[in-house]
Amino acid sequence: MKKKLLSLLLCIILFSPMFSTADPIQQKIGQQEPQTPPFFDDASFDRIIIMLLHIGHYPSMSACIIHNTTVIWKNAYGFSDLETHKPATTQTIYIVASITKTITSTALMQLYDQGLFQLDDDVNVYLPFSLRNPNYPDDPITIRMILSHSSSLTTDPFSYHWFNFSSPPPIPWYPSPWLQEYLLPDGAYYTPEIWDTTHRPGAYMQYANINFDIAAYLVQLLSGQPFHEYCNDHIFTPLGMTRTGFRLPDLPIEEVAFPYLYQNRTYEKLPHYQLLHYPIGGLMTTVDDVTCFLIAHMNHGVYNSTRILEKETVSLMHTVQPPGNIYKNFRYGLGWMIIEKPLRKTAYIGHSGDIPGAHTRMFINQADNTSIICFFNSDRSTSLEKFVSLLIQNLLFLKAEHLT
């Protein structure tokens, strides 16, 4: 019911006569001068976004729109700290959840560009232990399968260990020996449910975070660097991402947005936290910083004359990988979601993310090389909040069409 009321309210806002700028006399005589709906002027757009953030229980949002290699709009709304009324900005640092996977895949594919592996190599060529689905012990699991969520690892059971509130990386027992203890049948954290019993490796795409723990471990093994150091040296520093990292001690803590949960009609403030499994969802960054990374992907691997990937590699990462089945309305490339929009004859390439106290979206409209980024410091735990965040994404794309 709330969703229907919200849709009706937005329709009234968008199509009300008060939002028409056409001169009535011009309308009568049929002049076809292009009109600018006031919905897209900044003041009206801001009012609608603020209203939606309130309805969706999001304390703040930081967002931007990019076309080709240029930021054409950016803004922030609300408070990164409700207690002190600290305003959010596009320099506010958010934990971005699964958008992190686009960084992790980029790191591994940089090593692919160096010729250190092939995508269809068996991961056992590089891992210090043998990784096999016990239900299909003769089937190799390849790096392509890991990056495309088709390894036959399933969605993570409740035994998955997420939070680490005290120690930033490097963590002595992660990724190894933790991975062996989780993945191998004789491991301390092993449960049979982590492996698919009906689909063999490479046959079916199903989203499983653990794939990107393995991807990050491969980066470490192939490069000889801890994963967080590799990303800093080969992605963040070259792109000028100065407020980005996996370690709270490396960031200005006063600029990190507090995560919030909305429960029982009140906001619960969570402490700043770090993830044990930081390569799958623990990146902390700003809209301004991640813009540099996204432009590199929009611009065939180059940002501001700095190349981080080969052109062909970027294209490969943004291409649906076999088996290509649809999972929860999206397909998957190599670390990137691909959401096909057949009615609009395009696809959105990027990633979303959810973690306690945070929700994020970052997508490229393939048709016109326009992209949006939006970070929120509350998660989308209800259907209403999910609807509001998707609606804000779509409104940002509509504003992008107007601006371009």
Protein backbone atom coordinates (compact mmCIF):
# COMPACT_ATOMS: atom_id res chain seq x y z
CA MET A 1 0.00 0.00 0.00
CA LYS A 2 2.82 2.43 0.89
CA LYS A 3 4.48 1.71 -2.42
CA LYS A 4 1.27 2.45 -4.35
CA LEU A 5 0.74 5.69 -2.46
CA LEU A 6 4.33 6.75 -3.12
CA SER A 7 3.95 6.01 -6.84
CA LEU A 8 0.73 8.00 -6.95
CA LEU A 9 2.36 10.91 -5.13
CA LEU A 10 5.27 10.99 -7.54
CA CYS A 11 2.96 10.87 -10.56
CA ILE A 12 1.04 13.83 -9.15
CA ILE A 13 4.29 15.72 -8.65
CA LEU A 14 5.67 14.94 -12.10
CA PHE A 15 2.55 15.49 -14.14
CA SER A 16 0.79 18.24 -12.19
CA PRO A 17 0.15 21.47 -14.18
CA MET A 18 2.29 23.32 -11.66
CA PHE A 19 5.25 21.45 -13.17
CA SER A 20 4.55 22.50 -16.76
CA THR A 21 6.58 25.43 -18.11
CA ALA A 22 4.93 25.61 -21.50
CA ASP A 23 3.22 28.90 -22.31
CA PRO A 24 -0.55 28.14 -22.71
CA ILE A 25 -0.73 30.33 -25.82
CA GLN A 26 2.19 28.46 -27.40
CA GLN A 27 0.48 25.17 -26.57
CA LYS A 28 -2.69 26.29 -28.33
CA ILE A 29 -0.93 27.32 -31.51
CA GLY A 30 1.12 24.13 -31.54
CA GLN A 31 4.61 25.58 -31.31
CA GLN A 32 7.14 22.84 -30.65
CA GLU A 33 9.78 24.68 -28.69
CA PRO A 34 11.62 22.28 -26.40
CA GLN A 35 10.36 22.55 -22.86
CA THR A 36 12.27 22.15 -19.64
CA PRO A 37 10.12 20.46 -17.00
CA PRO A 38 10.66 22.33 -13.74
CA PHE A 39 11.04 18.92 -12.12
CA PHE A 40 14.56 18.98 -13.53
CA ASP A 41 15.56 22.40 -12.30
CA ASP A 42 17.84 21.99 -9.33
CA ALA A 43 15.54 23.47 -6.69
CA SER A 44 12.56 21.27 -7.60
CA PHE A 45 14.71 18.19 -8.05
CA ASP A 46 16.30 18.77 -4.64
CA ARG A 47 12.89 19.06 -2.98
CA ILE A 48 11.77 15.74 -4.46
CA ILE A 49 14.98 13.97 -3.45
CA ILE A 50 14.73 15.31 0.11
CA MET A 51 11.12 14.12 0.29
CA LEU A 52 12.07 10.65 -0.94
CA LEU A 53 14.98 10.37 1.52
CA HIS A 54 12.58 11.16 4.33
CA ILE A 55 10.05 8.57 3.10
CA GLY A 56 12.78 5.95 2.65
CA HIS A 57 14.40 6.61 6.04
CA TYR A 58 17.77 7.54 4.60
CA PRO A 59 19.60 10.11 6.81
CA SER A 60 21.80 11.22 3.91
CA MET A 61 22.70 10.69 0.28
CA SER A 62 25.74 11.72 -1.73
CA ALA A 63 25.33 11.46 -5.51
CA CYS A 64 26.63 12.45 -8.91
CA ILE A 65 25.94 12.11 -12.64
CA ILE A 66 28.71 11.54 -15.20
CA HIS A 67 28.61 11.80 -18.97
CA ASN A 68 31.58 10.36 -20.85
CA THR A 69 34.53 11.75 -18.84
CA THR A 70 32.81 14.69 -17.17
CA VAL A 71 30.83 15.10 -13.95
CA ILE A 72 27.75 17.04 -15.08
CA TRP A 73 25.94 17.18 -11.73
CA LYS A 74 26.63 16.32 -8.11
CA ASN A 75 25.05 17.06 -4.76
CA ALA A 76 24.58 15.73 -1.25
CA TYR A 77 21.60 15.80 1.08
CA GLY A 78 20.91 15.22 4.75
CA PHE A 79 23.29 14.40 7.56
CA SER A 80 26.21 12.02 7.84
CA ASP A 81 25.76 12.26 11.61
CA LEU A 82 22.23 12.90 12.83
CA GLU A 83 23.32 13.74 16.39
CA THR A 84 25.61 16.59 15.40
CA HIS A 85 23.70 17.52 12.22
CA LYS A 86 26.90 17.20 10.20
CA PRO A 87 25.90 17.79 6.56
CA ALA A 88 26.79 15.17 3.98
CA THR A 89 28.91 16.27 1.00
CA THR A 90 30.32 14.53 -2.04
CA GLN A 91 33.54 14.25 0.01
CA THR A 92 31.79 12.33 2.79
CA ILE A 93 33.19 8.81 3.16
CA TYR A 94 30.70 5.93 3.01
CA ILE A 95 31.16 2.19 3.31
CA VAL A 96 30.01 1.08 -0.14
CA ALA A 97 29.25 -2.62 0.39
CA SER A 98 29.26 -4.76 -2.77
CA ILE A 99 30.39 -1.96 -5.08
CA THR A 100 33.71 -3.13 -3.62
CA LYS A 101 33.53 -6.13 -5.98
CA THR A 102 34.15 -3.85 -8.97
CA ILE A 103 37.44 -2.81 -7.35
CA THR A 104 38.38 -6.40 -6.53
CA SER A 105 37.68 -7.58 -10.07
CA THR A 106 39.63 -4.63 -11.50
CA ALA A 107 42.63 -5.52 -9.35
CA LEU A 108 42.61 -9.13 -10.54
CA MET A 109 42.07 -8.15 -14.19
CA GLN A 110 45.06 -5.81 -14.04
CA LEU A 111 47.13 -8.95 -13.41
CA TYR A 112 45.33 -10.60 -16.32
CA ASP A 113 46.55 -7.70 -18.49
CA GLN A 114 50.08 -8.54 -17.36
CA GLY A 115 49.66 -12.08 -18.66
CA LEU A 116 49.88 -13.70 -15.21
CA PHE A 117 46.88 -15.97 -15.81
CA GLN A 118 44.14 -16.87 -18.28
CA LEU A 119 40.48 -16.61 -17.34
CA ASP A 120 39.80 -20.28 -17.96
CA ASP A 121 42.72 -21.48 -15.85
CA ASP A 122 41.85 -23.82 -13.01
CA VAL A 123 42.20 -21.83 -9.76
CA ASN A 124 44.14 -24.78 -8.33
CA VAL A 125 47.07 -23.77 -10.52
CA TYR A 126 47.49 -20.77 -8.21
CA LEU A 127 45.89 -21.68 -4.86
CA PRO A 128 47.96 -23.49 -2.20
CA PHE A 129 45.04 -25.88 -1.63
CA SER A 130 42.72 -27.86 -3.91
CA LEU A 131 39.35 -26.19 -4.50
CA ARG A 132 36.60 -28.46 -5.78
CA ASN A 133 32.85 -28.76 -5.29
CA PRO A 134 32.62 -32.09 -3.40
CA ASN A 135 29.47 -32.88 -5.39
CA TYR A 136 31.42 -32.52 -8.66
CA PRO A 137 34.99 -33.45 -7.69
CA ASP A 138 36.23 -33.86 -11.27
CA ASP A 139 35.07 -30.42 -12.49
CA PRO A 140 37.65 -27.62 -12.44
CA ILE A 141 36.68 -24.22 -11.04
CA THR A 142 38.14 -21.46 -13.17
CA ILE A 143 38.99 -17.82 -12.49
CA ARG A 144 36.22 -16.80 -14.92
CA MET A 145 33.74 -18.77 -12.82
CA ILE A 146 34.93 -17.06 -9.64
CA LEU A 147 34.55 -13.54 -11.09
CA SER A 148 31.16 -14.30 -12.68
CA HIS A 149 29.56 -16.04 -9.67
CA SER A 150 29.28 -19.34 -11.56
CA SER A 151 31.74 -21.38 -9.50
CA SER A 152 28.92 -23.47 -7.91
CA LEU A 153 29.52 -21.80 -4.56
CA THR A 154 26.08 -20.85 -3.28
CA THR A 155 24.68 -17.89 -1.39
CA ASP A 156 26.40 -17.66 1.95
CA PRO A 157 24.89 -19.45 4.95
CA PHE A 158 24.41 -17.79 8.32
CA SER A 159 27.75 -19.16 9.50
CA TYR A 160 29.51 -16.65 7.25
CA HIS A 161 31.67 -14.48 9.50
CA TRP A 162 31.25 -10.82 8.55
CA PHE A 163 32.20 -8.20 11.04
CA ASN A 164 35.53 -7.20 12.50
CA PHE A 165 35.12 -4.11 14.65
CA SER A 166 38.67 -3.86 15.94
CA SER A 167 41.43 -4.81 13.55
CA PRO A 168 41.98 -3.32 10.09
CA PRO A 169 43.74 -5.37 7.42
CA PRO A 170 46.10 -7.10 7.23
CA ILE A 171 44.46 -9.72 9.43
CA PRO A 172 46.85 -12.61 10.13
CA TRP A 173 44.33 -15.41 9.53
CA TYR A 174 42.50 -13.84 6.56
CA PRO A 175 42.35 -14.69 3.69
CA SER A 176 44.45 -17.71 4.63
CA PRO A 177 44.03 -20.00 6.49
CA TRP A 178 40.43 -18.77 6.89
CA LEU A 179 39.52 -19.73 3.29
CA GLN A 180 40.72 -23.30 3.73
CA GLU A 181 38.78 -23.60 6.98
CA TYR A 182 35.62 -22.36 5.25
CA LEU A 183 35.86 -24.05 1.85
CA LEU A 184 37.34 -27.48 2.52
CA PRO A 185 35.26 -30.37 3.92
CA ASP A 186 37.57 -30.87 6.92
CA GLY A 187 37.65 -27.15 7.76
CA ALA A 188 36.56 -25.66 11.09
CA TYR A 189 33.98 -23.36 9.46
CA TYR A 190 32.86 -25.70 6.69
CA THR A 191 29.20 -26.50 6.06
CA PRO A 192 28.04 -28.57 3.05
CA GLU A 193 25.45 -25.91 2.17
CA ILE A 194 28.12 -23.66 0.66
CA TRP A 195 28.25 -25.91 -2.43
CA ASP A 196 25.55 -26.34 -5.07
CA THR A 197 24.24 -29.88 -5.31
CA THR A 198 22.29 -29.48 -8.55
CA HIS A 199 24.47 -27.28 -10.77
CA ARG A 200 28.07 -28.13 -11.59
CA PRO A 201 30.78 -25.44 -11.85
CA GLY A 202 30.19 -23.15 -14.82
CA ALA A 203 26.58 -24.22 -15.34
CA TYR A 204 24.67 -21.65 -13.32
CA MET A 205 25.18 -18.11 -12.07
CA GLN A 206 24.28 -17.56 -8.42
CA TYR A 207 25.54 -14.69 -6.33
CA ALA A 208 27.92 -15.76 -3.55
CA ASN A 209 30.15 -13.31 -1.73
CA ILE A 210 32.80 -15.92 -1.01
CA ASN A 211 33.84 -15.88 -4.69
CA PHE A 212 35.41 -12.48 -4.14
CA ASP A 213 37.31 -13.57 -1.05
CA ILE A 214 38.96 -16.05 -3.42
CA ALA A 215 39.49 -13.37 -6.09
CA ALA A 216 41.26 -11.13 -3.57
CA TYR A 217 43.42 -14.03 -2.42
CA LEU A 218 44.43 -14.62 -6.04
CA VAL A 219 45.47 -10.95 -6.28
CA GLN A 220 47.63 -11.44 -3.21
CA LEU A 221 49.20 -14.66 -4.50
CA LEU A 222 49.89 -13.33 -8.01
CA SER A 223 51.15 -9.89 -7.00
CA GLY A 224 53.00 -10.76 -3.80
CA GLN A 225 51.21 -7.91 -1.98
CA PRO A 226 48.44 -7.89 0.61
CA PHE A 227 45.21 -7.08 -1.19
CA HIS A 228 44.64 -3.69 0.45
CA GLU A 229 48.19 -2.58 -0.39
CA TYR A 230 47.86 -3.73 -3.99
CA CYS A 231 44.65 -1.72 -4.48
CA ASN A 232 46.22 1.38 -2.95
CA ASP A 233 49.33 1.15 -5.14
CA HIS A 234 47.67 0.21 -8.44
CA ILE A 235 44.17 1.72 -8.32
CA PHE A 236 43.60 4.33 -5.61
CA THR A 237 46.88 6.26 -5.81
CA PRO A 238 47.15 6.32 -9.65
CA LEU A 239 43.56 7.60 -9.87
CA GLY A 240 44.00 10.22 -7.15
CA MET A 241 41.48 8.55 -4.83
CA THR A 242 42.85 10.13 -1.66
CA ARG A 243 39.84 9.43 0.57
CA THR A 244 39.50 5.75 -0.29
CA GLY A 245 40.66 2.65 1.51
CA PHE A 246 39.87 -0.49 3.47
CA ARG A 247 41.32 0.70 6.79
CA LEU A 248 39.63 3.21 9.09
CA PRO A 249 43.00 4.30 10.58
CA ASP A 250 44.06 5.51 7.10
CA LEU A 251 41.00 7.76 6.69
CA PRO A 252 39.85 11.01 8.34
CA ILE A 253 37.39 9.43 10.77
CA GLU A 254 35.48 12.67 11.24
CA GLU A 255 34.50 12.54 7.54
CA VAL A 256 33.13 8.97 7.62
CA ALA A 257 29.33 8.80 7.57
CA PHE A 258 27.81 6.95 10.49
CA PRO A 259 25.72 3.93 9.47
CA TYR A 260 22.12 3.89 10.67
CA LEU A 261 19.34 1.34 11.04
CA TYR A 262 15.73 2.50 10.99
CA GLN A 263 13.71 0.37 13.40
CA ASN A 264 10.54 0.96 15.39
CA ARG A 265 10.20 4.45 13.91
CA THR A 266 13.58 5.57 15.14
CA TYR A 267 17.16 5.70 13.83
CA GLU A 268 19.71 3.48 15.55
CA LYS A 269 23.25 4.79 15.14
CA LEU A 270 25.84 2.07 14.57
CA PRO A 271 29.54 2.46 15.36
CA HIS A 272 32.00 2.77 12.51
CA TYR A 273 32.99 -0.75 11.57
CA GLN A 274 35.32 -2.65 9.28
CA LEU A 275 34.65 -5.93 7.54
CA LEU A 276 36.70 -9.04 8.00
CA HIS A 277 35.83 -9.85 4.38
CA TYR A 278 36.84 -6.41 3.18
CA PRO A 279 37.45 -7.33 -0.51
CA ILE A 280 33.77 -8.20 -0.99
CA GLY A 281 32.12 -5.23 0.71
CA GLY A 282 34.44 -3.22 2.96
CA LEU A 283 35.61 -0.39 0.71
CA MET A 284 35.22 3.08 2.20
CA THR A 285 35.20 5.93 -0.29
CA THR A 286 33.53 9.14 -1.45
CA VAL A 287 31.40 9.94 -4.47
CA ASP A 288 34.14 12.28 -5.70
CA ASP A 289 36.78 9.55 -5.43
CA VAL A 290 34.81 6.70 -6.95
CA THR A 291 33.95 9.00 -9.86
CA CYS A 292 37.58 8.71 -10.98
CA PHE A 293 37.36 4.92 -10.97
CA LEU A 294 34.03 4.84 -12.79
CA ILE A 295 35.21 7.27 -15.47
CA ALA A 296 38.15 4.93 -16.13
CA HIS A 297 35.67 2.12 -16.81
CA MET A 298 33.49 4.39 -18.96
CA ASN A 299 36.55 5.58 -20.89
CA HIS A 300 38.00 2.19 -21.93
CA GLY A 301 40.32 1.91 -18.92
CA VAL A 302 41.69 5.47 -18.83
CA TYR A 303 41.15 8.31 -16.36
CA ASN A 304 42.92 11.64 -16.87
CA SER A 305 45.63 10.03 -19.05
CA THR A 306 46.18 7.21 -16.52
CA ARG A 307 45.41 3.74 -17.82
CA ILE A 308 44.39 1.12 -15.26
CA LEU A 309 43.05 -1.55 -17.68
CA GLU A 310 43.31 -2.39 -21.35
CA LYS A 311 40.33 -1.42 -23.51
CA GLU A 312 39.54 -5.03 -24.41
CA THR A 313 39.66 -6.04 -20.75
CA VAL A 314 37.10 -3.41 -19.74
CA SER A 315 34.79 -4.60 -22.51
CA LEU A 316 35.18 -8.20 -21.34
CA MET A 317 34.37 -7.27 -17.73
CA HIS A 318 31.19 -5.51 -18.88
CA THR A 319 30.03 -8.48 -20.99
CA VAL A 320 27.65 -11.17 -19.73
CA GLN A 321 29.69 -14.28 -19.00
CA PRO A 322 28.54 -17.83 -19.55
CA PRO A 323 26.22 -19.35 -18.45
CA GLY A 324 24.47 -15.96 -18.60
CA ASN A 325 21.30 -16.96 -16.74
CA ILE A 326 19.25 -14.27 -15.01
CA TYR A 327 19.64 -14.08 -11.23
CA LYS A 328 17.28 -11.76 -9.34
CA ASN A 329 16.72 -9.68 -12.50
CA PHE A 330 20.35 -9.20 -13.40
CA ARG A 331 23.12 -10.98 -15.23
CA TYR A 332 26.81 -10.79 -14.40
CA GLY A 333 30.04 -9.97 -16.16
CA LEU A 334 33.42 -10.14 -14.42
CA GLY A 335 32.73 -8.38 -11.13
CA TRP A 336 30.03 -6.16 -12.68
CA MET A 337 26.26 -6.51 -12.68
CA ILE A 338 24.52 -6.20 -16.05
CA ILE A 339 20.87 -5.19 -15.84
CA GLU A 340 19.28 -5.38 -19.26
CA LYS A 341 16.64 -2.76 -20.17
CA PRO A 342 15.11 -4.14 -23.40
CA LEU A 343 12.38 -1.48 -23.63
CA ARG A 344 15.04 1.22 -23.54
CA LYS A 345 17.40 -0.77 -25.78
CA THR A 346 20.24 -0.49 -23.29
CA ALA A 347 21.80 -2.12 -20.26
CA TYR A 348 22.94 -0.73 -16.94
CA ILE A 349 26.47 -1.86 -16.08
CA GLY A 350 27.69 -1.46 -12.52
CA HIS A 351 26.88 -2.68 -9.04
CA SER A 352 24.68 -2.06 -6.03
CA GLY A 353 25.52 -2.79 -2.43
CA ASP A 354 23.81 -3.46 0.89
CA ILE A 355 25.28 -3.86 4.33
CA PRO A 356 23.95 -2.95 7.78
CA GLY A 357 23.63 0.83 7.80
CA ALA A 358 24.54 1.43 4.16
CA HIS A 359 23.10 1.11 0.66
CA THR A 360 24.85 2.09 -2.59
CA ARG A 361 24.25 2.22 -6.34
CA MET A 362 26.71 2.79 -9.21
CA PHE A 363 25.56 2.16 -12.79
CA ILE A 364 26.46 3.13 -16.36
CA ASN A 365 23.74 3.53 -19.00
CA GLN A 366 25.43 1.76 -21.88
CA ALA A 367 23.32 3.54 -24.52
CA ASP A 368 24.69 7.03 -23.92
CA ASN A 369 27.69 6.40 -21.61
CA THR A 370 26.01 8.27 -18.78
CA SER A 371 26.33 7.04 -15.22
CA ILE A 372 24.98 7.69 -11.75
CA ILE A 373 26.44 7.11 -8.31
CA CYS A 374 24.48 7.37 -5.05
CA PHE A 375 25.52 6.43 -1.53
CA PHE A 376 23.17 6.25 1.47
CA ASN A 377 24.02 5.79 5.17
CA SER A 378 21.11 3.48 5.96
CA ASP A 379 20.28 0.13 4.43
CA ARG A 380 17.19 -0.92 2.48
CA SER A 381 15.76 -3.47 4.88
CA THR A 382 12.11 -3.04 3.84
CA SER A 383 10.33 -3.12 0.49
CA LEU A 384 9.54 0.59 0.84
CA GLU A 385 13.20 1.50 1.26
CA LYS A 386 14.14 -0.72 -1.69
CA PHE A 387 11.53 1.01 -3.83
CA VAL A 388 12.68 4.49 -2.80
CA SER A 389 16.35 3.82 -3.58
CA LEU A 390 15.46 2.40 -7.00
CA LEU A 391 13.21 5.37 -7.65
CA ILE A 392 16.03 7.78 -6.77
CA GLN A 393 18.35 5.91 -9.15
CA ASN A 394 15.80 6.23 -11.96
CA LEU A 395 15.26 9.91 -11.22
CA LEU A 396 19.01 10.50 -11.44
CA PHE A 397 19.05 8.81 -14.85
CA LEU A 398 16.12 10.97 -15.96
CA LYS A 399 17.96 14.08 -14.82
CA ALA A 400 21.00 12.82 -16.74
CA GLU A 401 18.92 12.62 -19.92
CA HIS A 402 17.78 16.20 -19.37
CA LEU A 403 21.34 17.45 -18.75
CA THR A 404 22.74 15.76 -21.83
